[in-house]
Amino acid sequence: MSWEAELEELRYRQQLAYKMGGEERVARQHAAGRLTVRERIDRLLDKNSFHEIGAISGFATYDESNAIKTFTPANCVFGRGLIDARQVVVAGDDFTIRGGSADASIWAKFKMAENMAYEFRMPLVRMVEGSGGGGSVRTIETTGRSNLPGGVGTTSGLDLCARNLGQIPVVSIATGPVAGLAAARFCASHFAIMIKEISSVFVAGPPVVEHLGQKLTKEELGGHKIHTKSGVADYSVDNEDEAFVAVRRFLSYLPSSVWELPPRTECHDDPARADEFLISAVPKDSRKAYKIRQIIESVVDSGSFFEIAKSYGPSIVTGFARLNGWPVAIMAGDPYHSAGVWTANSAQKITRFVDLAETFHLPVVHLVDCPGFEIGLDAEKSGVMRQAVRAIAAINQTTVPWCSVLLRNVFGVGGGAHQPAGRLSYRYAWPSGRWGSLPLEGGVEAAYSAELAAAENREEALAKITSKLSAMRSPFRTAEAFWIEEIIDPRDTRRLLCEFADTAAPLRTAGKTSFTLRP
């Protein structure tokens, strides 16, 4: 006897599962401009590489002869697949079944996806859509009791999410409205993507918030414009296909787990390339801004810069790039935003980014232009000092190789944190570099207040003191004392950074770090 009858039933159940929420709800999903979870997985992964796990799990009813009568699949679809020939775990919420609510979920699937990625050291991609928490208020009626969040010896799954942050790359895409625990899962990732006009992320959605007297649309409450600035989302795209491209690109800079090293790619860009514009990239007038991204693009491998969290804490630019094919983490001050000062948000951005580089063994290149911390009443209310000191602690805790290039301002406590203290790093300065405890502008009045008060002509005395100090603060004076090791021609920056990447590569050490990224 064969088992063909049983295999026929298996295929029948699989067909039921592949129908998801049914034709009407699938059509509704498409009408809203969104793909179904299975379409998303097919577009993200290498062709025909998806191996689904638990496809026939769900909720069934049976007739009197014990034949299946109705079947509702669990609204989590997960399994293994390939991205650029590398194994990953992918898990997605099926919004066509109870709107992605936990009422229709089987939590073992979500947890197995997290555990599989952790135990087998594979990157994890989450496609989050729905609430994904303890269920709606209707759950009280269906279960006959009220859900108690958390519990002794139990898990909500967020502990698994937090654990994975220290072991494997985790990417989340908000593929529709996301609330509650699903929003927490979205944030518990290294790279969180939102889709413009489609994604929305919130603690509680508009119907709940309306009870606070705030009548808002999903977009107004938690759309991409809100959360790329709030720091909840790291990236926004125009459509789902662009999100899948971003996932692939992000993962290309990282190892599959902390037990490996970031992979090198072939470099088709001359490591000794010297762009002429760099000699005048930083204006001699210190009051004028310049385009830091143009400098970054010039010194890294052509087309390799991938910026992360562009709209959050914009006085600091962060992202990945390659130098002679080696992946590195890039951090730079942006004088177009608050003159490049560290705000509370930009300090939090630094902390998270530096933790990411440390977790996955990426050498750091810091293009420095820091006039110090943000000052003023609003800055104090934001807690800038605590957040900035936290960022400095993160920098000093790193063990990955580090290279700083001092482009212009290096002032105050923030300027002093341009590289880890207590260990040797590469450091170069451009001739445009200027540094000190405080900028002369404003600092002279504070330091020479008595002399200026006693002067017959205050403005003449101020100009004389400023002129004298300006000459003395020349970077060449600092180099005389070996307080700065090398002043370089800006056009040599790429060559020296590629040399740094080559030198740093064998120093990278696989394995878990003493601390890892926190959400």
Protein backbone atom coordinates (compact mmCIF):
# COMPACT_ATOMS: atom_id res chain seq x y z
CA MET A 1 0.00 0.00 0.00
CA SER A 2 1.16 3.53 -0.73
CA TRP A 3 0.63 6.80 1.13
CA GLU A 4 -0.62 8.59 -1.98
CA ALA A 5 -4.01 9.31 -0.39
CA GLU A 6 -2.35 11.08 2.53
CA LEU A 7 -0.11 13.05 0.17
CA GLU A 8 -3.20 14.06 -1.80
CA GLU A 9 -4.74 15.40 1.41
CA LEU A 10 -1.49 17.28 2.13
CA ARG A 11 -1.63 18.90 -1.30
CA TYR A 12 -5.30 19.80 -0.75
CA ARG A 13 -4.53 21.45 2.57
CA GLN A 14 -1.64 23.34 0.98
CA GLN A 15 -4.02 24.64 -1.69
CA LEU A 16 -6.35 25.89 1.02
CA ALA A 17 -3.47 27.64 2.75
CA TYR A 18 -2.29 29.30 -0.47
CA LYS A 19 -5.72 30.92 -0.85
CA MET A 20 -4.89 32.96 2.29
CA GLY A 21 -7.92 35.04 3.30
CA GLY A 22 -9.82 34.24 0.12
CA GLU A 23 -10.25 35.92 -3.25
CA GLU A 24 -12.23 38.88 -1.92
CA ARG A 25 -9.72 39.81 0.77
CA VAL A 26 -6.75 39.28 -1.55
CA ALA A 27 -8.45 41.60 -4.06
CA ARG A 28 -8.97 44.14 -1.27
CA GLN A 29 -5.25 43.92 -0.43
CA HIS A 30 -4.32 44.59 -4.06
CA ALA A 31 -6.84 47.44 -4.31
CA ALA A 32 -5.08 49.11 -1.38
CA GLY A 33 -1.84 49.04 -3.38
CA ARG A 34 -0.30 46.26 -1.31
CA LEU A 35 1.05 42.85 -2.25
CA THR A 36 0.09 39.69 -0.41
CA VAL A 37 2.65 38.14 1.92
CA ARG A 38 3.43 35.32 -0.53
CA GLU A 39 3.94 37.77 -3.39
CA ARG A 40 6.32 39.74 -1.19
CA ILE A 41 8.37 36.69 -0.30
CA ASP A 42 8.63 35.67 -3.97
CA ARG A 43 9.87 39.14 -4.96
CA LEU A 44 12.37 39.42 -2.12
CA LEU A 45 14.07 36.04 -2.41
CA ASP A 46 16.13 34.53 -5.19
CA LYS A 47 13.83 32.80 -7.67
CA ASN A 48 12.32 29.49 -6.52
CA SER A 49 14.40 29.45 -3.34
CA PHE A 50 11.63 29.72 -0.70
CA HIS A 51 11.18 26.68 1.54
CA GLU A 52 8.05 27.31 3.60
CA ILE A 53 7.59 25.87 7.07
CA GLY A 54 4.17 25.21 8.61
CA ALA A 55 2.17 26.12 5.52
CA ILE A 56 -0.84 24.01 6.55
CA SER A 57 -1.03 25.30 10.13
CA GLY A 58 -4.23 27.15 10.92
CA PHE A 59 -7.75 26.69 12.25
CA ALA A 60 -10.02 23.97 10.79
CA THR A 61 -13.50 22.65 11.31
CA TYR A 62 -14.64 19.13 10.40
CA ASP A 63 -17.87 17.49 9.34
CA GLU A 64 -19.41 14.38 10.88
CA SER A 65 -17.22 12.09 8.77
CA ASN A 66 -14.12 13.89 10.03
CA ALA A 67 -13.44 15.45 6.65
CA ILE A 68 -12.13 19.03 6.67
CA LYS A 69 -15.02 21.47 6.34
CA THR A 70 -13.45 24.93 6.62
CA PHE A 71 -9.86 26.07 6.99
CA THR A 72 -8.34 29.43 7.95
CA PRO A 73 -4.54 29.48 7.61
CA ALA A 74 -2.43 31.01 10.37
CA ASN A 75 -1.61 34.56 9.37
CA CYS A 76 2.15 34.14 9.71
CA VAL A 77 4.03 32.77 6.68
CA PHE A 78 7.67 31.90 7.23
CA GLY A 79 10.53 29.79 6.00
CA ARG A 80 14.03 29.75 4.57
CA GLY A 81 15.24 31.15 1.27
CA LEU A 82 18.15 32.79 -0.51
CA ILE A 83 19.10 36.43 -0.97
CA ASP A 84 22.00 36.75 -3.39
CA ALA A 85 22.67 33.03 -2.84
CA ARG A 86 22.92 33.47 0.94
CA GLN A 87 20.48 31.69 3.26
CA VAL A 88 18.06 33.86 5.21
CA VAL A 89 14.91 33.39 7.27
CA VAL A 90 11.89 35.39 6.16
CA ALA A 91 8.64 35.80 8.10
CA GLY A 92 5.61 37.81 7.00
CA ASP A 93 2.20 38.73 8.38
CA ASP A 94 -0.83 37.88 6.24
CA PHE A 95 -3.12 40.91 6.46
CA THR A 96 -5.86 39.14 4.48
CA ILE A 97 -6.58 37.02 7.57
CA ARG A 98 -8.09 39.05 10.42
CA GLY A 99 -5.99 42.06 9.40
CA GLY A 100 -2.83 40.46 10.74
CA SER A 101 -4.29 40.29 14.25
CA ALA A 102 -3.11 37.75 16.79
CA ASP A 103 -6.68 36.39 16.86
CA ALA A 104 -5.70 34.33 13.81
CA SER A 105 -2.04 33.71 14.64
CA ILE A 106 -0.15 30.70 15.84
CA TRP A 107 2.64 32.23 17.87
CA ALA A 108 4.88 29.18 17.59
CA LYS A 109 5.48 30.13 13.94
CA PHE A 110 6.71 33.63 14.71
CA LYS A 111 8.89 32.32 17.53
CA MET A 112 10.30 29.51 15.41
CA ALA A 113 11.33 32.03 12.75
CA GLU A 114 13.22 34.01 15.40
CA ASN A 115 14.79 30.88 16.87
CA MET A 116 15.75 29.41 13.51
CA ALA A 117 17.56 32.58 12.48
CA TYR A 118 19.36 32.63 15.83
CA GLU A 119 20.33 28.96 16.08
CA PHE A 120 21.39 28.57 12.44
CA ARG A 121 23.00 32.02 12.25
CA MET A 122 21.01 33.35 9.30
CA PRO A 123 19.85 36.94 8.68
CA LEU A 124 16.17 37.53 9.44
CA VAL A 125 13.75 39.59 7.35
CA ARG A 126 10.37 40.44 8.87
CA MET A 127 7.46 41.76 6.80
CA VAL A 128 5.21 43.30 9.43
CA GLU A 129 1.57 44.18 8.80
CA GLY A 130 -1.16 44.23 11.45
CA SER A 131 -1.30 44.31 15.23
CA GLY A 132 0.38 40.98 15.99
CA GLY A 133 -0.19 41.34 19.72
CA GLY A 134 -2.52 39.68 22.17
CA GLY A 135 -5.48 40.10 19.85
CA SER A 136 -8.28 42.63 19.65
CA VAL A 137 -10.89 43.35 22.31
CA ARG A 138 -13.00 40.71 20.57
CA THR A 139 -10.53 38.12 21.90
CA ILE A 140 -12.21 38.42 25.31
CA GLU A 141 -15.37 36.99 23.80
CA THR A 142 -13.66 34.25 21.80
CA THR A 143 -11.49 33.03 24.69
CA GLY A 144 -13.86 33.76 27.56
CA ARG A 145 -11.20 35.64 29.49
CA SER A 146 -8.98 38.70 29.29
CA ASN A 147 -5.39 38.33 28.12
CA LEU A 148 -2.72 39.14 30.73
CA PRO A 149 0.37 40.52 28.93
CA GLY A 150 3.58 38.76 29.87
CA GLY A 151 3.86 36.02 32.41
CA VAL A 152 6.21 34.03 34.58
CA GLY A 153 8.44 31.77 32.51
CA THR A 154 6.71 32.76 29.27
CA THR A 155 7.75 34.97 26.40
CA SER A 156 6.04 37.57 24.23
CA GLY A 157 8.71 37.01 21.60
CA LEU A 158 10.31 40.42 22.15
CA ASP A 159 13.01 38.76 24.22
CA LEU A 160 13.82 36.66 21.15
CA CYS A 161 13.89 39.82 19.04
CA ALA A 162 16.28 41.50 21.47
CA ARG A 163 18.51 38.42 21.61
CA ASN A 164 18.74 38.30 17.82
CA LEU A 165 20.05 41.86 17.66
CA GLY A 166 23.32 40.61 19.12
CA GLN A 167 23.69 37.62 16.80
CA ILE A 168 22.29 38.16 13.28
CA PRO A 169 21.32 41.02 10.96
CA VAL A 170 17.60 41.76 11.37
CA VAL A 171 15.59 43.80 8.86
CA SER A 172 11.93 44.77 9.21
CA ILE A 173 9.61 46.20 6.56
CA ALA A 174 6.32 47.81 7.56
CA THR A 175 4.21 46.65 4.63
CA GLY A 176 0.96 48.26 5.80
CA PRO A 177 -0.56 49.52 9.07
CA VAL A 178 1.42 48.28 12.08
CA ALA A 179 0.36 48.71 15.71
CA GLY A 180 1.04 47.42 19.21
CA LEU A 181 3.36 44.43 19.53
CA ALA A 182 3.84 44.34 15.76
CA ALA A 183 5.20 47.89 15.95
CA ALA A 184 7.57 46.76 18.70
CA ARG A 185 8.80 43.91 16.45
CA PHE A 186 9.29 46.44 13.65
CA CYS A 187 11.51 48.56 15.87
CA ALA A 188 13.47 45.58 17.24
CA SER A 189 15.65 45.46 14.16
CA HIS A 190 18.90 46.82 12.77
CA PHE A 191 17.20 48.32 9.73
CA ALA A 192 13.53 49.36 9.66
CA ILE A 193 11.91 50.32 6.35
CA MET A 194 8.63 52.13 5.68
CA ILE A 195 6.78 52.45 2.38
CA LYS A 196 5.49 55.93 1.60
CA GLU A 197 1.71 56.35 1.69
CA ILE A 198 1.29 52.64 2.53
CA SER A 199 3.11 52.00 5.83
CA SER A 200 1.97 53.40 9.15
CA VAL A 201 3.39 52.53 12.55
CA PHE A 202 1.93 53.42 15.93
CA VAL A 203 1.53 52.30 19.52
CA ALA A 204 -2.24 52.51 19.02
CA GLY A 205 -4.14 53.35 15.85
CA PRO A 206 -6.44 56.28 15.02
CA PRO A 207 -9.65 54.77 16.54
CA VAL A 208 -7.95 54.40 19.92
CA VAL A 209 -6.15 57.75 19.78
CA GLU A 210 -9.39 59.51 18.90
CA HIS A 211 -10.51 58.90 22.49
CA LEU A 212 -7.73 61.34 23.47
CA GLY A 213 -9.40 63.99 21.35
CA GLN A 214 -6.90 63.58 18.50
CA LYS A 215 -8.68 62.80 15.22
CA LEU A 216 -5.91 61.78 12.83
CA THR A 217 -5.46 59.67 9.74
CA LYS A 218 -3.03 56.75 9.74
CA GLU A 219 -0.55 58.84 7.77
CA GLU A 220 -0.87 61.83 10.11
CA LEU A 221 -0.44 59.66 13.20
CA GLY A 222 2.29 57.29 12.12
CA GLY A 223 3.23 57.68 8.45
CA HIS A 224 6.73 57.73 7.02
CA LYS A 225 7.06 61.51 7.39
CA ILE A 226 6.52 61.14 11.13
CA HIS A 227 8.78 58.18 11.74
CA THR A 228 11.77 58.84 9.53
CA LYS A 229 12.17 61.97 11.68
CA SER A 230 11.26 60.30 14.98
CA GLY A 231 13.89 57.59 14.49
CA VAL A 232 11.35 54.73 14.49
CA ALA A 233 12.12 54.06 10.80
CA ASP A 234 15.60 54.12 9.26
CA TYR A 235 14.57 54.30 5.62
CA SER A 236 11.57 55.07 3.40
CA VAL A 237 10.86 53.98 -0.16
CA ASP A 238 8.22 54.65 -2.79
CA ASN A 239 7.02 51.06 -3.22
CA GLU A 240 7.48 47.51 -2.00
CA ASP A 241 9.92 46.51 -4.74
CA GLU A 242 12.23 49.35 -3.65
CA ALA A 243 11.98 48.03 -0.10
CA PHE A 244 13.19 44.61 -1.26
CA VAL A 245 16.13 46.24 -3.08
CA ALA A 246 17.01 48.13 0.13
CA VAL A 247 16.91 44.89 2.15
CA ARG A 248 19.30 43.21 -0.27
CA ARG A 249 21.67 46.16 -0.27
CA PHE A 250 21.70 46.53 3.51
CA LEU A 251 22.48 42.86 4.03
CA SER A 252 25.27 42.95 1.43
CA TYR A 253 27.48 44.95 3.82
CA LEU A 254 27.02 42.57 6.76
CA PRO A 255 28.00 39.03 7.64
CA SER A 256 25.31 36.38 8.07
CA SER A 257 25.98 36.46 11.81
CA VAL A 258 28.46 37.84 14.30
CA TRP A 259 30.38 34.58 13.93
CA GLU A 260 31.50 35.66 10.47
CA LEU A 261 33.17 38.78 9.05
CA PRO A 262 31.63 41.30 6.63
CA PRO A 263 32.33 40.09 3.08
CA ARG A 264 34.62 41.92 0.68
CA THR A 265 33.43 42.54 -2.88
CA GLU A 266 35.43 43.16 -6.02
CA CYS A 267 36.46 46.80 -6.39
CA HIS A 268 36.45 48.44 -9.84
CA ASP A 269 37.39 51.88 -8.51
CA ASP A 270 41.04 52.94 -8.31
CA PRO A 271 42.05 53.12 -4.60
CA ALA A 272 44.42 55.96 -5.53
CA ARG A 273 41.74 58.02 -7.30
CA ALA A 274 42.13 61.70 -6.30
CA ASP A 275 39.24 64.07 -7.00
CA GLU A 276 40.45 67.59 -7.61
CA PHE A 277 37.40 69.28 -6.08
CA LEU A 278 38.39 68.05 -2.59
CA ILE A 279 41.09 70.73 -2.33
CA SER A 280 38.35 73.36 -2.13
CA ALA A 281 35.47 71.25 -0.79
CA VAL A 282 35.57 72.98 2.62
CA PRO A 283 35.17 76.77 2.27
CA LYS A 284 37.80 79.01 3.86
CA ASP A 285 34.95 81.04 5.35
CA SER A 286 34.04 78.94 8.38
CA ARG A 287 30.52 80.38 8.36
CA LYS A 288 29.74 78.68 5.04
CA ALA A 289 28.38 75.16 4.86
CA TYR A 290 29.47 72.49 2.39
CA LYS A 291 28.02 69.24 1.06
CA ILE A 292 29.37 66.41 3.17
CA ARG A 293 27.69 63.70 1.07
CA GLN A 294 29.63 64.85 -1.97
CA ILE A 295 32.85 64.37 0.00
CA ILE A 296 31.75 60.93 1.20
CA GLU A 297 30.89 59.81 -2.34
CA SER A 298 34.30 61.04 -3.51
CA VAL A 299 36.41 59.12 -1.01
CA VAL A 300 34.56 55.76 -0.92
CA ASP A 301 34.27 53.20 -3.71
CA SER A 302 32.11 54.69 -6.44
CA GLY A 303 28.39 54.18 -5.81
CA SER A 304 28.94 52.23 -2.59
CA PHE A 305 27.60 54.70 -0.01
CA PHE A 306 24.30 53.53 1.50
CA GLU A 307 22.88 56.09 3.91
CA ILE A 308 20.83 55.04 6.94
CA ALA A 309 18.43 57.21 8.99
CA LYS A 310 18.92 60.28 6.81
CA SER A 311 16.08 62.34 8.31
CA TYR A 312 16.69 61.49 11.96
CA GLY A 313 19.31 63.54 13.83
CA PRO A 314 20.37 65.04 10.48
CA SER A 315 23.42 66.89 11.84
CA ILE A 316 25.12 63.48 11.72
CA VAL A 317 25.28 61.39 8.53
CA THR A 318 25.56 57.61 8.96
CA GLY A 319 25.74 54.75 6.49
CA PHE A 320 27.70 51.89 5.00
CA ALA A 321 30.26 52.10 2.20
CA ARG A 322 33.16 50.17 0.74
CA LEU A 323 36.84 51.04 0.56
CA ASN A 324 38.80 48.93 -1.93
CA GLY A 325 35.92 46.47 -1.64
CA TRP A 326 35.97 46.26 2.18
CA PRO A 327 32.69 47.20 3.96
CA VAL A 328 33.03 50.03 6.49
CA ALA A 329 30.73 52.15 8.64
CA ILE A 330 30.74 55.86 7.73
CA MET A 331 29.90 58.65 10.17
CA ALA A 332 30.18 62.36 9.34
CA GLY A 333 29.09 65.77 10.61
CA ASP A 334 26.75 67.71 8.31
CA PRO A 335 27.22 71.49 8.56
CA TYR A 336 23.96 72.05 6.65
CA HIS A 337 22.04 70.95 9.76
CA SER A 338 22.59 72.91 12.98
CA ALA A 339 26.19 73.48 11.81
CA GLY A 340 26.91 69.83 12.61
CA VAL A 341 26.40 70.07 16.38
CA TRP A 342 25.36 66.99 18.33
CA THR A 343 21.68 67.21 19.22
CA ALA A 344 19.93 64.73 21.50
CA ASN A 345 18.60 62.92 18.42
CA SER A 346 21.90 62.86 16.56
CA ALA A 347 23.62 61.56 19.71
CA GLN A 348 21.11 58.70 19.93
CA LYS A 349 21.72 58.07 16.23
CA ILE A 350 25.47 57.85 16.85
CA THR A 351 25.00 55.41 19.73
CA ARG A 352 22.83 53.05 17.71
CA PHE A 353 25.05 53.24 14.63
CA VAL A 354 28.31 52.69 16.50
CA ASP A 355 26.75 49.74 18.33
CA LEU A 356 25.75 48.31 14.93
CA ALA A 357 29.31 48.65 13.61
CA GLU A 358 30.73 47.01 16.72
CA THR A 359 28.22 44.15 16.66
CA PHE A 360 29.03 43.18 13.06
CA HIS A 361 32.77 43.96 13.02
CA LEU A 362 32.69 46.95 10.67
CA PRO A 363 35.66 49.35 10.86
CA VAL A 364 34.54 52.95 11.37
CA VAL A 365 35.52 55.95 9.25
CA HIS A 366 34.59 59.25 10.89
CA LEU A 367 34.68 62.43 8.80
CA VAL A 368 34.74 64.98 11.58
CA ASP A 369 33.06 68.38 11.68
CA CYS A 370 31.71 68.90 15.19
CA PRO A 371 31.35 72.37 16.76
CA GLY A 372 30.27 70.66 20.00
CA PHE A 373 26.91 69.90 21.61
CA GLU A 374 23.74 71.82 20.88
CA ILE A 375 23.20 74.66 23.36
CA GLY A 376 20.18 76.65 24.56
CA LEU A 377 16.98 76.01 26.48
CA ASP A 378 15.47 73.59 23.96
CA ALA A 379 18.69 71.62 23.91
CA GLU A 380 18.71 71.34 27.68
CA LYS A 381 15.07 70.23 27.70
CA SER A 382 15.93 67.50 25.18
CA GLY A 383 18.51 66.02 27.57
CA VAL A 384 21.29 66.52 25.05
CA MET A 385 24.06 66.13 27.62
CA ARG A 386 22.95 62.68 28.77
CA GLN A 387 22.39 61.45 25.20
CA ALA A 388 25.72 62.88 24.04
CA VAL A 389 27.62 61.28 26.92
CA ARG A 390 25.90 57.99 26.09
CA ALA A 391 27.17 58.35 22.51
CA ILE A 392 30.68 59.07 23.74
CA ALA A 393 30.53 55.97 25.93
CA ALA A 394 29.46 53.90 22.91
CA ILE A 395 32.37 55.25 20.86
CA ASN A 396 34.85 54.50 23.62
CA GLN A 397 33.47 50.98 24.10
CA THR A 398 34.13 50.03 20.49
CA THR A 399 36.95 47.64 19.65
CA VAL A 400 36.72 47.77 15.84
CA PRO A 401 39.46 49.62 13.91
CA TRP A 402 38.76 53.34 13.62
CA CYS A 403 39.98 56.13 11.35
CA SER A 404 39.10 59.80 11.77
CA VAL A 405 39.60 62.58 9.23
CA LEU A 406 39.28 66.06 10.74
CA LEU A 407 37.65 68.16 8.04
CA ARG A 408 36.87 71.35 9.92
CA ASN A 409 35.47 71.85 13.45
CA VAL A 410 36.66 69.74 16.39
CA PHE A 411 35.46 71.60 19.48
CA GLY A 412 34.44 70.81 23.01
CA VAL A 413 33.51 67.47 24.53
CA GLY A 414 31.76 66.35 21.34
CA GLY A 415 34.80 67.18 19.23
CA GLY A 416 36.98 65.29 21.67
CA ALA A 417 34.95 62.14 20.99
CA HIS A 418 35.94 61.99 17.32
CA GLN A 419 37.67 58.65 18.01
CA PRO A 420 37.87 56.12 20.86
CA ALA A 421 40.13 57.17 23.72
CA GLY A 422 42.71 54.87 25.22
CA ARG A 423 43.67 52.99 22.07
CA LEU A 424 45.45 53.80 18.84
CA SER A 425 43.40 54.82 15.82
CA TYR A 426 44.33 56.29 12.47
CA ARG A 427 43.82 60.04 12.34
CA TYR A 428 44.35 62.64 9.63
CA ALA A 429 43.54 66.35 9.39
CA TRP A 430 42.79 68.51 6.40
CA PRO A 431 44.39 72.00 6.29
CA SER A 432 40.87 73.32 6.94
CA GLY A 433 40.85 71.73 10.40
CA ARG A 434 40.16 74.02 13.36
CA TRP A 435 39.86 72.92 16.95
CA GLY A 436 39.90 73.88 20.59
CA SER A 437 37.87 73.81 23.77
CA LEU A 438 35.53 76.40 22.27
CA PRO A 439 35.30 78.14 18.89
CA LEU A 440 36.89 81.59 18.96
CA GLU A 441 33.56 83.01 17.85
CA GLY A 442 31.84 83.58 21.16
CA GLY A 443 34.63 81.94 23.16
CA VAL A 444 36.86 85.03 23.10
CA GLU A 445 34.22 87.15 24.82
CA ALA A 446 33.93 84.61 27.62
CA ALA A 447 37.67 84.02 28.10
CA TYR A 448 38.74 87.67 27.83
CA SER A 449 35.73 89.35 29.43
CA ALA A 450 37.84 91.35 31.92
CA GLU A 451 40.24 92.66 29.26
CA LEU A 452 37.41 93.57 26.93
CA ALA A 453 35.52 95.36 29.71
CA ALA A 454 38.61 97.43 30.54
CA ALA A 455 39.45 98.35 26.93
CA GLU A 456 38.79 101.87 25.64
CA ASN A 457 37.53 100.46 22.33
CA ARG A 458 35.97 97.05 22.94
CA GLU A 459 35.58 96.15 19.24
CA GLU A 460 39.21 96.98 18.43
CA ALA A 461 40.42 94.95 21.42
CA LEU A 462 38.20 92.02 20.42
CA ALA A 463 39.51 92.11 16.82
CA LYS A 464 43.13 92.24 18.01
CA ILE A 465 42.73 89.30 20.40
CA THR A 466 40.82 87.27 17.78
CA SER A 467 43.49 87.92 15.12
CA LYS A 468 46.29 86.84 17.45
CA LEU A 469 44.51 83.65 18.51
CA SER A 470 43.53 82.84 14.91
CA ALA A 471 47.18 82.78 13.91
CA MET A 472 48.10 80.66 16.91
CA ARG A 473 45.39 78.09 16.31
CA SER A 474 46.80 77.15 12.91
CA PRO A 475 46.75 73.36 12.52
CA PHE A 476 50.47 73.54 11.77
CA ARG A 477 51.11 74.81 15.31
CA THR A 478 49.26 71.75 16.60
CA ALA A 479 51.31 69.49 14.33
CA GLU A 480 54.53 70.99 15.73
CA ALA A 481 53.62 69.54 19.11
CA PHE A 482 52.52 66.24 17.52
CA TRP A 483 49.02 66.86 18.87
CA ILE A 484 47.82 66.04 15.38
CA GLU A 485 49.78 63.29 13.68
CA GLU A 486 49.33 64.15 10.00
CA ILE A 487 47.96 67.03 7.97
CA ILE A 488 47.16 65.75 4.50
CA ASP A 489 46.23 66.97 1.05
CA PRO A 490 42.45 66.35 0.90
CA ARG A 491 42.94 64.72 -2.50
CA ASP A 492 44.93 61.94 -0.82
CA THR A 493 42.02 61.01 1.47
CA ARG A 494 40.66 58.11 -0.59
CA ARG A 495 44.07 56.53 -0.98
CA LEU A 496 44.73 56.72 2.76
CA LEU A 497 41.27 55.42 3.68
CA CYS A 498 41.67 52.45 1.33
CA GLU A 499 45.03 51.77 2.95
CA PHE A 500 43.29 51.90 6.34
CA ALA A 501 40.63 49.42 5.19
CA ASP A 502 43.32 47.05 3.88
CA THR A 503 45.22 47.31 7.16
CA ALA A 504 42.11 46.94 9.32
CA ALA A 505 40.68 43.91 7.50
CA PRO A 506 42.85 41.22 9.16
CA LEU A 507 42.31 42.82 12.58
CA ARG A 508 38.56 42.18 12.52
CA THR A 509 37.58 39.38 14.87
CA ALA A 510 34.48 37.24 14.46
CA GLY A 511 32.31 36.40 17.46
CA LYS A 512 30.00 38.08 19.92
CA THR A 513 31.04 41.46 21.24
CA SER A 514 30.92 42.47 24.89
CA PHE A 515 27.86 44.59 24.16
CA THR A 516 25.44 44.71 21.26
CA LEU A 517 22.97 47.04 19.66
CA ARG A 518 19.84 47.91 21.60
CA PRO A 519 16.61 48.78 19.74
